[in-house]
């Protein structure tokens, strides 16, 4: 079985990031890290919104088809 085929542990990356010591980072490195994390948050939110819109469209389709 390939690694890509196995279920991914959810929350694993966030747990790893939150447990990492930040003491060795410079202010510039911390600013870069913040920017990367904010970009990732925006990407996740966009995916969540896309999934919600897809779900709403599917719900609407099935609701309209079951009325008759």
PDB file of N, CA and C in Angstrom:
ATOM      1  N   UNK A   1       0.852  -1.182   0.000  1.00  0.00           N
ATOM      2  CA  UNK A   1       0.000   0.000   0.000  1.00  0.00           C
ATOM      3  C   UNK A   1       0.892   1.238   0.000  1.00  0.00           C
ATOM      4  N   UNK A   2       0.609   2.180  -0.874  1.00  0.00           N
ATOM      5  CA  UNK A   2       1.357   3.426  -0.929  1.00  0.00           C
ATOM      6  C   UNK A   2       0.984   4.324   0.236  1.00  0.00           C
ATOM      7  N   UNK A   3       1.899   5.222   0.602  1.00  0.00           N
ATOM      8  CA  UNK A   3       1.599   6.176   1.668  1.00  0.00           C
ATOM      9  C   UNK A   3       0.388   7.026   1.322  1.00  0.00           C
ATOM     10  N   UNK A   4       0.213   7.348   0.021  1.00  0.00           N
ATOM     11  CA  UNK A   4      -0.909   8.178  -0.405  1.00  0.00           C
ATOM     12  C   UNK A   4      -2.247   7.465  -0.242  1.00  0.00           C
ATOM     13  N   UNK A   5      -2.228   6.143  -0.190  1.00  0.00           N
ATOM     14  CA  UNK A   5      -3.458   5.373  -0.078  1.00  0.00           C
ATOM     15  C   UNK A   5      -3.951   5.252   1.370  1.00  0.00           C
ATOM     16  N   UNK A   6      -3.057   5.490   2.311  1.00  0.00           N
ATOM     17  CA  UNK A   6      -3.440   5.339   3.710  1.00  0.00           C
ATOM     18  C   UNK A   6      -4.183   6.575   4.196  1.00  0.00           C
ATOM     19  N   UNK A   7      -5.113   6.384   5.130  1.00  0.00           N
ATOM     20  CA  UNK A   7      -5.810   7.553   5.683  1.00  0.00           C
ATOM     21  C   UNK A   7      -4.811   8.487   6.363  1.00  0.00           C
ATOM     22  N   UNK A   8      -4.987   9.786   6.149  1.00  0.00           N
ATOM     23  CA  UNK A   8      -4.109  10.780   6.748  1.00  0.00           C
ATOM     24  C   UNK A   8      -4.640  11.117   8.129  1.00  0.00           C
ATOM     25  N   UNK A   9      -3.740  11.220   9.091  1.00  0.00           N
ATOM     26  CA  UNK A   9      -4.150  11.604  10.427  1.00  0.00           C
ATOM     27  C   UNK A   9      -4.563  13.066  10.413  1.00  0.00           C
ATOM     28  N   UNK A  10      -5.742  13.357  10.851  1.00  0.00           N
ATOM     29  CA  UNK A  10      -6.231  14.737  10.860  1.00  0.00           C
ATOM     30  C   UNK A  10      -5.646  15.465  12.067  1.00  0.00           C
ATOM     31  N   UNK A  11      -5.279  16.709  11.848  1.00  0.00           N
ATOM     32  CA  UNK A  11      -4.737  17.509  12.929  1.00  0.00           C
ATOM     33  C   UNK A  11      -3.271  17.262  13.192  1.00  0.00           C
ATOM     34  N   UNK A  12      -2.674  16.328  12.482  1.00  0.00           N
ATOM     35  CA  UNK A  12      -1.292  15.962  12.738  1.00  0.00           C
ATOM     36  C   UNK A  12      -0.351  17.137  12.511  1.00  0.00           C
ATOM     37  N   UNK A  13      -0.516  17.880  11.426  1.00  0.00           N
ATOM     38  CA  UNK A  13       0.368  19.005  11.119  1.00  0.00           C
ATOM     39  C   UNK A  13       0.213  20.112  12.162  1.00  0.00           C
ATOM     40  N   UNK A  14      -1.009  20.406  12.546  1.00  0.00           N
ATOM     41  CA  UNK A  14      -1.237  21.452  13.535  1.00  0.00           C
ATOM     42  C   UNK A  14      -0.634  21.074  14.884  1.00  0.00           C
ATOM     43  N   UNK A  15      -0.747  19.821  15.260  1.00  0.00           N
ATOM     44  CA  UNK A  15      -0.162  19.357  16.513  1.00  0.00           C
ATOM     45  C   UNK A  15       1.349  19.501  16.479  1.00  0.00           C
ATOM     46  N   UNK A  16       1.935  19.120  15.355  1.00  0.00           N
ATOM     47  CA  UNK A  16       3.391  19.229  15.199  1.00  0.00           C
ATOM     48  C   UNK A  16       3.831  20.691  15.278  1.00  0.00           C
ATOM     49  N   UNK A  17       3.129  21.568  14.573  1.00  0.00           N
ATOM     50  CA  UNK A  17       3.496  22.981  14.570  1.00  0.00           C
ATOM     51  C   UNK A  17       3.361  23.604  15.954  1.00  0.00           C
ATOM     52  N   UNK A  18       2.312  23.267  16.668  1.00  0.00           N
ATOM     53  CA  UNK A  18       2.077  23.885  17.974  1.00  0.00           C
ATOM     54  C   UNK A  18       3.046  23.389  19.038  1.00  0.00           C
ATOM     55  N   UNK A  19       3.656  22.239  18.815  1.00  0.00           N
ATOM     56  CA  UNK A  19       4.595  21.716  19.806  1.00  0.00           C
ATOM     57  C   UNK A  19       6.041  22.108  19.506  1.00  0.00           C
ATOM     58  N   UNK A  20       6.275  22.710  18.342  1.00  0.00           N
ATOM     59  CA  UNK A  20       7.629  23.100  17.952  1.00  0.00           C
ATOM     60  C   UNK A  20       8.075  24.341  18.723  1.00  0.00           C
ATOM     61  N   UNK A  21       9.297  24.319  19.215  1.00  0.00           N
ATOM     62  CA  UNK A  21       9.849  25.478  19.907  1.00  0.00           C
ATOM     63  C   UNK A  21      10.143  26.583  18.897  1.00  0.00           C
ATOM     64  N   UNK A  22       9.775  27.790  19.241  1.00  0.00           N
ATOM     65  CA  UNK A  22       9.995  28.938  18.363  1.00  0.00           C
ATOM     66  C   UNK A  22      11.206  29.760  18.805  1.00  0.00           C
ATOM     67  N   UNK A  23      11.898  29.309  19.831  1.00  0.00           N
ATOM     68  CA  UNK A  23      13.001  30.075  20.399  1.00  0.00           C
ATOM     69  C   UNK A  23      14.126  30.356  19.415  1.00  0.00           C
ATOM     70  N   UNK A  24      14.374  29.463  18.485  1.00  0.00           N
ATOM     71  CA  UNK A  24      15.509  29.622  17.576  1.00  0.00           C
ATOM     72  C   UNK A  24      15.193  30.478  16.346  1.00  0.00           C
ATOM     73  N   UNK A  25      13.946  30.923  16.196  1.00  0.00           N
ATOM     74  CA  UNK A  25      13.541  31.703  15.029  1.00  0.00           C
ATOM     75  C   UNK A  25      13.841  33.186  15.240  1.00  0.00           C
ATOM     76  N   UNK A  26      14.325  33.836  14.193  1.00  0.00           N
ATOM     77  CA  UNK A  26      14.498  35.286  14.224  1.00  0.00           C
ATOM     78  C   UNK A  26      13.139  35.946  13.997  1.00  0.00           C
ATOM     79  N   UNK A  27      13.076  37.255  14.186  1.00  0.00           N
ATOM     80  CA  UNK A  27      11.820  37.960  13.952  1.00  0.00           C
ATOM     81  C   UNK A  27      11.412  37.862  12.492  1.00  0.00           C
ATOM     82  N   UNK A  28      12.380  37.951  11.578  1.00  0.00           N
ATOM     83  CA  UNK A  28      12.058  37.812  10.158  1.00  0.00           C
ATOM     84  C   UNK A  28      11.523  36.415   9.848  1.00  0.00           C
ATOM     85  N   UNK A  29      12.124  35.405  10.445  1.00  0.00           N
ATOM     86  CA  UNK A  29      11.647  34.034  10.229  1.00  0.00           C
ATOM     87  C   UNK A  29      10.251  33.845  10.810  1.00  0.00           C
ATOM     88  N   UNK A  30       9.988  34.470  11.943  1.00  0.00           N
ATOM     89  CA  UNK A  30       8.654  34.387  12.534  1.00  0.00           C
ATOM     90  C   UNK A  30       7.633  35.095  11.657  1.00  0.00           C
ATOM     91  N   UNK A  31       8.008  36.257  11.100  1.00  0.00           N
ATOM     92  CA  UNK A  31       7.110  36.959  10.181  1.00  0.00           C
ATOM     93  C   UNK A  31       6.809  36.107   8.958  1.00  0.00           C
ATOM     94  N   UNK A  32       7.820  35.439   8.425  1.00  0.00           N
ATOM     95  CA  UNK A  32       7.626  34.562   7.266  1.00  0.00           C
ATOM     96  C   UNK A  32       6.728  33.386   7.620  1.00  0.00           C
ATOM     97  N   UNK A  33       6.944  32.839   8.796  1.00  0.00           N
ATOM     98  CA  UNK A  33       6.117  31.711   9.246  1.00  0.00           C
ATOM     99  C   UNK A  33       4.663  32.138   9.394  1.00  0.00           C
ATOM    100  N   UNK A  34       4.437  33.318   9.958  1.00  0.00           N
ATOM    101  CA  UNK A  34       3.080  33.840  10.117  1.00  0.00           C
ATOM    102  C   UNK A  34       2.420  34.011   8.754  1.00  0.00           C
ATOM    103  N   UNK A  35       3.165  34.577   7.802  1.00  0.00           N
ATOM    104  CA  UNK A  35       2.610  34.781   6.458  1.00  0.00           C
ATOM    105  C   UNK A  35       2.244  33.452   5.816  1.00  0.00           C
ATOM    106  N   UNK A  36       3.090  32.451   5.970  1.00  0.00           N
ATOM    107  CA  UNK A  36       2.803  31.125   5.401  1.00  0.00           C
ATOM    108  C   UNK A  36       1.570  30.507   6.057  1.00  0.00           C
ATOM    109  N   UNK A  37       1.468  30.642   7.371  1.00  0.00           N
ATOM    110  CA  UNK A  37       0.316  30.078   8.078  1.00  0.00           C
ATOM    111  C   UNK A  37      -0.970  30.809   7.706  1.00  0.00           C
ATOM    112  N   UNK A  38      -0.895  32.135   7.559  1.00  0.00           N
ATOM    113  CA  UNK A  38      -2.083  32.890   7.138  1.00  0.00           C
ATOM    114  C   UNK A  38      -2.509  32.499   5.729  1.00  0.00           C
ATOM    115  N   UNK A  39      -1.539  32.242   4.845  1.00  0.00           N
ATOM    116  CA  UNK A  39      -1.869  31.788   3.489  1.00  0.00           C
ATOM    117  C   UNK A  39      -2.520  30.412   3.538  1.00  0.00           C
ATOM    118  N   UNK A  40      -2.044  29.549   4.408  1.00  0.00           N
ATOM    119  CA  UNK A  40      -2.632  28.217   4.539  1.00  0.00           C
ATOM    120  C   UNK A  40      -4.043  28.302   5.103  1.00  0.00           C
ATOM    121  N   UNK A  41      -4.255  29.189   6.063  1.00  0.00           N
ATOM    122  CA  UNK A  41      -5.597  29.386   6.616  1.00  0.00           C
ATOM    123  C   UNK A  41      -6.548  29.849   5.521  1.00  0.00           C
ATOM    124  N   UNK A  42      -6.103  30.782   4.684  1.00  0.00           N
ATOM    125  CA  UNK A  42      -6.938  31.271   3.579  1.00  0.00           C
ATOM    126  C   UNK A  42      -7.249  30.138   2.603  1.00  0.00           C
ATOM    127  N   UNK A  43      -6.271  29.286   2.324  1.00  0.00           N
ATOM    128  CA  UNK A  43      -6.484  28.157   1.412  1.00  0.00           C
ATOM    129  C   UNK A  43      -7.513  27.185   1.987  1.00  0.00           C
ATOM    130  N   UNK A  44      -7.404  26.895   3.274  1.00  0.00           N
ATOM    131  CA  UNK A  44      -8.341  25.971   3.916  1.00  0.00           C
ATOM    132  C   UNK A  44      -9.749  26.563   3.946  1.00  0.00           C
ATOM    133  N   UNK A  45      -9.853  27.854   4.249  1.00  0.00           N
ATOM    134  CA  UNK A  45     -11.167  28.502   4.259  1.00  0.00           C
ATOM    135  C   UNK A  45     -11.795  28.485   2.871  1.00  0.00           C
ATOM    136  N   UNK A  46     -11.000  28.732   1.846  1.00  0.00           N
ATOM    137  CA  UNK A  46     -11.520  28.713   0.473  1.00  0.00           C
ATOM    138  C   UNK A  46     -12.017  27.316   0.120  1.00  0.00           C
ATOM    139  N   UNK A  47     -11.277  26.296   0.534  1.00  0.00           N
ATOM    140  CA  UNK A  47     -11.700  24.919   0.255  1.00  0.00           C
ATOM    141  C   UNK A  47     -12.983  24.594   1.019  1.00  0.00           C
ATOM    142  N   UNK A  48     -13.057  25.043   2.263  1.00  0.00           N
ATOM    143  CA  UNK A  48     -14.272  24.818   3.059  1.00  0.00           C
ATOM    144  C   UNK A  48     -15.469  25.484   2.403  1.00  0.00           C
ATOM    145  N   UNK A  49     -15.294  26.712   1.923  1.00  0.00           N
ATOM    146  CA  UNK A  49     -16.399  27.418   1.274  1.00  0.00           C
ATOM    147  C   UNK A  49     -16.817  26.732  -0.016  1.00  0.00           C
ATOM    148  N   UNK A  50     -15.844  26.245  -0.768  1.00  0.00           N
ATOM    149  CA  UNK A  50     -16.149  25.518  -2.006  1.00  0.00           C
ATOM    150  C   UNK A  50     -16.920  24.238  -1.691  1.00  0.00           C
ATOM    151  N   UNK A  51     -16.489  23.523  -0.651  1.00  0.00           N
ATOM    152  CA  UNK A  51     -17.175  22.287  -0.260  1.00  0.00           C
ATOM    153  C   UNK A  51     -18.588  22.583   0.228  1.00  0.00           C
ATOM    154  N   UNK A  52     -18.760  23.687   0.961  1.00  0.00           N
ATOM    155  CA  UNK A  52     -20.089  24.056   1.452  1.00  0.00           C
ATOM    156  C   UNK A  52     -21.017  24.406   0.291  1.00  0.00           C
ATOM    157  N   UNK A  53     -20.484  25.130  -0.706  1.00  0.00           N
ATOM    158  CA  UNK A  53     -21.298  25.482  -1.872  1.00  0.00           C
ATOM    159  C   UNK A  53     -21.677  24.233  -2.656  1.00  0.00           C
ATOM    160  N   UNK A  54     -20.745  23.310  -2.778  1.00  0.00           N
ATOM    161  CA  UNK A  54     -21.019  22.052  -3.474  1.00  0.00           C
ATOM    162  C   UNK A  54     -22.111  21.274  -2.736  1.00  0.00           C
ATOM    163  N   UNK A  55     -22.004  21.227  -1.431  1.00  0.00           N
ATOM    164  CA  UNK A  55     -22.988  20.513  -0.611  1.00  0.00           C
ATOM    165  C   UNK A  55     -24.365  21.167  -0.722  1.00  0.00           C
ATOM    166  N   UNK A  56     -24.383  22.507  -0.689  1.00  0.00           N
ATOM    167  CA  UNK A  56     -25.650  23.218  -0.796  1.00  0.00           C
ATOM    168  C   UNK A  56     -26.305  22.966  -2.158  1.00  0.00           C
ATOM    169  N   UNK A  57     -25.495  22.927  -3.204  1.00  0.00           N
ATOM    170  CA  UNK A  57     -26.040  22.661  -4.540  1.00  0.00           C
ATOM    171  C   UNK A  57     -26.599  21.246  -4.620  1.00  0.00           C
ATOM    172  N   UNK A  58     -25.893  20.290  -4.032  1.00  0.00           N
ATOM    173  CA  UNK A  58     -26.376  18.905  -4.034  1.00  0.00           C
ATOM    174  C   UNK A  58     -27.659  18.786  -3.218  1.00  0.00           C
ATOM    175  N   UNK A  59     -27.691  19.428  -2.056  1.00  0.00           N
ATOM    176  CA  UNK A  59     -28.911  19.407  -1.233  1.00  0.00           C
ATOM    177  C   UNK A  59     -30.087  20.003  -1.981  1.00  0.00           C
ATOM    178  N   UNK A  60     -29.867  21.121  -2.669  1.00  0.00           N
ATOM    179  CA  UNK A  60     -30.934  21.775  -3.429  1.00  0.00           C
ATOM    180  C   UNK A  60     -31.423  20.889  -4.555  1.00  0.00           C
ATOM    181  N   UNK A  61     -30.511  20.220  -5.218  1.00  0.00           N
ATOM    182  CA  UNK A  61     -30.875  19.316  -6.309  1.00  0.00           C
ATOM    183  C   UNK A  61     -31.755  18.175  -5.803  1.00  0.00           C
ATOM    184  N   UNK A  62     -31.355  17.562  -4.692  1.00  0.00           N
ATOM    185  CA  UNK A  62     -32.123  16.449  -4.176  1.00  0.00           C
ATOM    186  C   UNK A  62     -33.437  16.889  -3.554  1.00  0.00           C
ATOM    187  N   UNK A  63     -33.469  18.076  -2.971  1.00  0.00           N
ATOM    188  CA  UNK A  63     -34.723  18.588  -2.432  1.00  0.00           C
ATOM    189  C   UNK A  63     -35.717  18.877  -3.539  1.00  0.00           C
ATOM    190  N   UNK A  64     -35.245  19.474  -4.633  1.00  0.00           N
ATOM    191  CA  UNK A  64     -36.154  19.807  -5.715  1.00  0.00           C
ATOM    192  C   UNK A  64     -36.636  18.546  -6.454  1.00  0.00           C
ATOM    193  N   UNK A  65     -35.839  17.504  -6.456  1.00  0.00           N
ATOM    194  CA  UNK A  65     -36.213  16.268  -7.131  1.00  0.00           C
ATOM    195  C   UNK A  65     -37.138  15.376  -6.327  1.00  0.00           C
ATOM    196  N   UNK A  66     -37.219  15.610  -5.005  1.00  0.00           N
ATOM    197  CA  UNK A  66     -38.041  14.730  -4.168  1.00  0.00           C
ATOM    198  C   UNK A  66     -39.427  15.282  -3.894  1.00  0.00           C
ATOM    199  N   UNK A  67     -39.744  16.437  -4.477  1.00  0.00           N
ATOM    200  CA  UNK A  67     -41.027  17.061  -4.179  1.00  0.00           C
ATOM    201  C   UNK A  67     -42.179  16.537  -5.008  1.00  0.00           C
ATOM    202  N   UNK A  68     -41.900  15.679  -5.986  1.00  0.00           N
ATOM    203  CA  UNK A  68     -43.006  15.374  -6.858  1.00  0.00           C
ATOM    204  C   UNK A  68     -43.298  13.974  -7.009  1.00  0.00           C
TER     205      UNK A  68
END
